[in-house]
Structures are given as C-alpha cells and as structure tokens.
Amino acid sequence: MSIVVETEQETVQEGLDVLTKNLPPSKVARLLSIWRVGRGDYTADRRKLFAGETVTSLFAKARAHEKRSRKR
C-alpha cells in the first residue's frame, strides 16, 4: 500500500465537498462560522477520539463507510 500525502488545501477542499454534498447550505455556513483555527488541543482530542484504534482498524472502518456511501 502506498500513501499519498495531500496538500492542506486539497484536504480542506475535500472536506468542504463532503459537507456541501451532505448538509444544507445553512448548516455548512453555521459550521464554518463556529470553527476556530488554533483553539483546543488537537493531540489530546485525537488521542481520546482514536483511543484503542490502529491504522488497520481505522482503515477497515473507512472502507466500510465508503461501501455504505456507495450504496446510497
């Protein structure tokens, strides 16, 4: 398996694409207005969010999500 590292802008664009495809414009606007860069502790949040996960388990969850999304 090879890993492609996207630019920050590519990642932001992909995230915005997901939001605009799955949320009404009013919710996208509200979410973007409450996001604040530089606040919180990403490392602590990440450790809590992914506690007990491995790259393999996260990959499996991402694949399962992708398959569910294609069925819609």
C-alpha atoms as a PDB file:
ATOM      1  CA  MET A   1       0.000   0.000   0.000  1.00  0.00           C
ATOM      2  CA  SER A   2       1.370   3.433  -0.877  1.00  0.00           C
ATOM      3  CA  ILE A   3       0.407   6.618   0.895  1.00  0.00           C
ATOM      4  CA  VAL A   4      -0.249   9.873  -0.926  1.00  0.00           C
ATOM      5  CA  VAL A   5       0.076  12.973   1.217  1.00  0.00           C
ATOM      6  CA  GLU A   6      -2.266  15.668   0.003  1.00  0.00           C
ATOM      7  CA  THR A   7      -1.701  19.359   0.451  1.00  0.00           C
ATOM      8  CA  GLU A   8      -3.590  21.136   3.192  1.00  0.00           C
ATOM      9  CA  GLN A   9      -5.678  22.921   0.565  1.00  0.00           C
ATOM     10  CA  GLU A  10      -6.646  19.621  -1.085  1.00  0.00           C
ATOM     11  CA  THR A  11      -7.755  18.254   2.272  1.00  0.00           C
ATOM     12  CA  VAL A  12      -9.777  21.384   3.044  1.00  0.00           C
ATOM     13  CA  GLN A  13     -11.420  21.236  -0.380  1.00  0.00           C
ATOM     14  CA  GLU A  14     -12.323  17.575   0.054  1.00  0.00           C
ATOM     15  CA  GLY A  15     -13.830  18.324   3.457  1.00  0.00           C
ATOM     16  CA  LEU A  16     -15.880  21.180   2.037  1.00  0.00           C
ATOM     17  CA  ASP A  17     -17.068  18.928  -0.788  1.00  0.00           C
ATOM     18  CA  VAL A  18     -18.253  16.333   1.737  1.00  0.00           C
ATOM     19  CA  LEU A  19     -20.019  18.993   3.800  1.00  0.00           C
ATOM     20  CA  THR A  20     -21.780  20.596   0.843  1.00  0.00           C
ATOM     21  CA  LYS A  21     -22.927  17.224  -0.503  1.00  0.00           C
ATOM     22  CA  ASN A  22     -24.324  16.061   2.842  1.00  0.00           C
ATOM     23  CA  LEU A  23     -25.577  19.183   4.610  1.00  0.00           C
ATOM     24  CA  PRO A  24     -27.849  22.041   3.596  1.00  0.00           C
ATOM     25  CA  PRO A  25     -26.056  25.337   2.909  1.00  0.00           C
ATOM     26  CA  SER A  26     -27.298  26.880   6.157  1.00  0.00           C
ATOM     27  CA  LYS A  27     -25.650  24.140   8.223  1.00  0.00           C
ATOM     28  CA  VAL A  28     -22.404  24.348   6.250  1.00  0.00           C
ATOM     29  CA  ALA A  29     -22.304  28.105   6.844  1.00  0.00           C
ATOM     30  CA  ARG A  30     -23.041  27.673  10.531  1.00  0.00           C
ATOM     31  CA  LEU A  31     -20.367  25.005  10.958  1.00  0.00           C
ATOM     32  CA  LEU A  32     -17.755  27.072   9.149  1.00  0.00           C
ATOM     33  CA  SER A  33     -18.600  30.115  11.264  1.00  0.00           C
ATOM     34  CA  ILE A  34     -18.043  28.255  14.554  1.00  0.00           C
ATOM     35  CA  TRP A  35     -14.776  26.559  13.576  1.00  0.00           C
ATOM     36  CA  ARG A  36     -11.808  28.353  15.010  1.00  0.00           C
ATOM     37  CA  VAL A  37      -8.227  27.731  13.948  1.00  0.00           C
ATOM     38  CA  GLY A  38      -5.739  27.375  16.752  1.00  0.00           C
ATOM     39  CA  ARG A  39      -8.127  26.520  19.571  1.00  0.00           C
ATOM     40  CA  GLY A  40      -8.242  23.408  21.661  1.00  0.00           C
ATOM     41  CA  ASP A  41      -5.719  20.634  21.966  1.00  0.00           C
ATOM     42  CA  TYR A  42      -5.788  18.545  18.806  1.00  0.00           C
ATOM     43  CA  THR A  43      -3.361  15.988  20.199  1.00  0.00           C
ATOM     44  CA  ALA A  44      -5.473  15.338  23.302  1.00  0.00           C
ATOM     45  CA  ASP A  45      -8.673  15.279  21.237  1.00  0.00           C
ATOM     46  CA  ARG A  46      -7.098  12.850  18.760  1.00  0.00           C
ATOM     47  CA  ARG A  47      -5.913  10.524  21.499  1.00  0.00           C
ATOM     48  CA  LYS A  48      -9.386  10.474  23.039  1.00  0.00           C
ATOM     49  CA  LEU A  49     -11.182  10.076  19.700  1.00  0.00           C
ATOM     50  CA  PHE A  50      -8.946   7.279  18.435  1.00  0.00           C
ATOM     51  CA  ALA A  51      -8.216   5.515  21.739  1.00  0.00           C
ATOM     52  CA  GLY A  52      -7.774   1.810  21.128  1.00  0.00           C
ATOM     53  CA  GLU A  53      -7.684   2.226  17.346  1.00  0.00           C
ATOM     54  CA  THR A  54      -4.934   1.136  15.000  1.00  0.00           C
ATOM     55  CA  VAL A  55      -4.196   2.123  11.444  1.00  0.00           C
ATOM     56  CA  THR A  56      -5.671  -1.216  10.393  1.00  0.00           C
ATOM     57  CA  SER A  57      -8.903  -0.760  12.378  1.00  0.00           C
ATOM     58  CA  LEU A  58      -9.367   2.801  11.111  1.00  0.00           C
ATOM     59  CA  PHE A  59      -8.722   1.673   7.550  1.00  0.00           C
ATOM     60  CA  ALA A  60     -11.366  -1.054   7.928  1.00  0.00           C
ATOM     61  CA  LYS A  61     -13.874   1.486   9.259  1.00  0.00           C
ATOM     62  CA  ALA A  62     -13.109   3.861   6.401  1.00  0.00           C
ATOM     63  CA  ARG A  63     -13.610   1.066   3.858  1.00  0.00           C
ATOM     64  CA  ALA A  64     -16.920   0.070   5.461  1.00  0.00           C
ATOM     65  CA  HIS A  65     -18.071   3.689   5.397  1.00  0.00           C
ATOM     66  CA  GLU A  66     -17.062   4.005   1.758  1.00  0.00           C
ATOM     67  CA  LYS A  67     -19.045   0.883   0.840  1.00  0.00           C
ATOM     68  CA  ARG A  68     -22.125   2.155   2.708  1.00  0.00           C
ATOM     69  CA  SER A  69     -21.835   5.534   0.986  1.00  0.00           C
ATOM     70  CA  ARG A  70     -21.708   3.940  -2.476  1.00  0.00           C
ATOM     71  CA  LYS A  71     -24.992   2.118  -1.818  1.00  0.00           C
ATOM     72  CA  ARG A  72     -26.866   5.402  -1.346  1.00  0.00           C
END
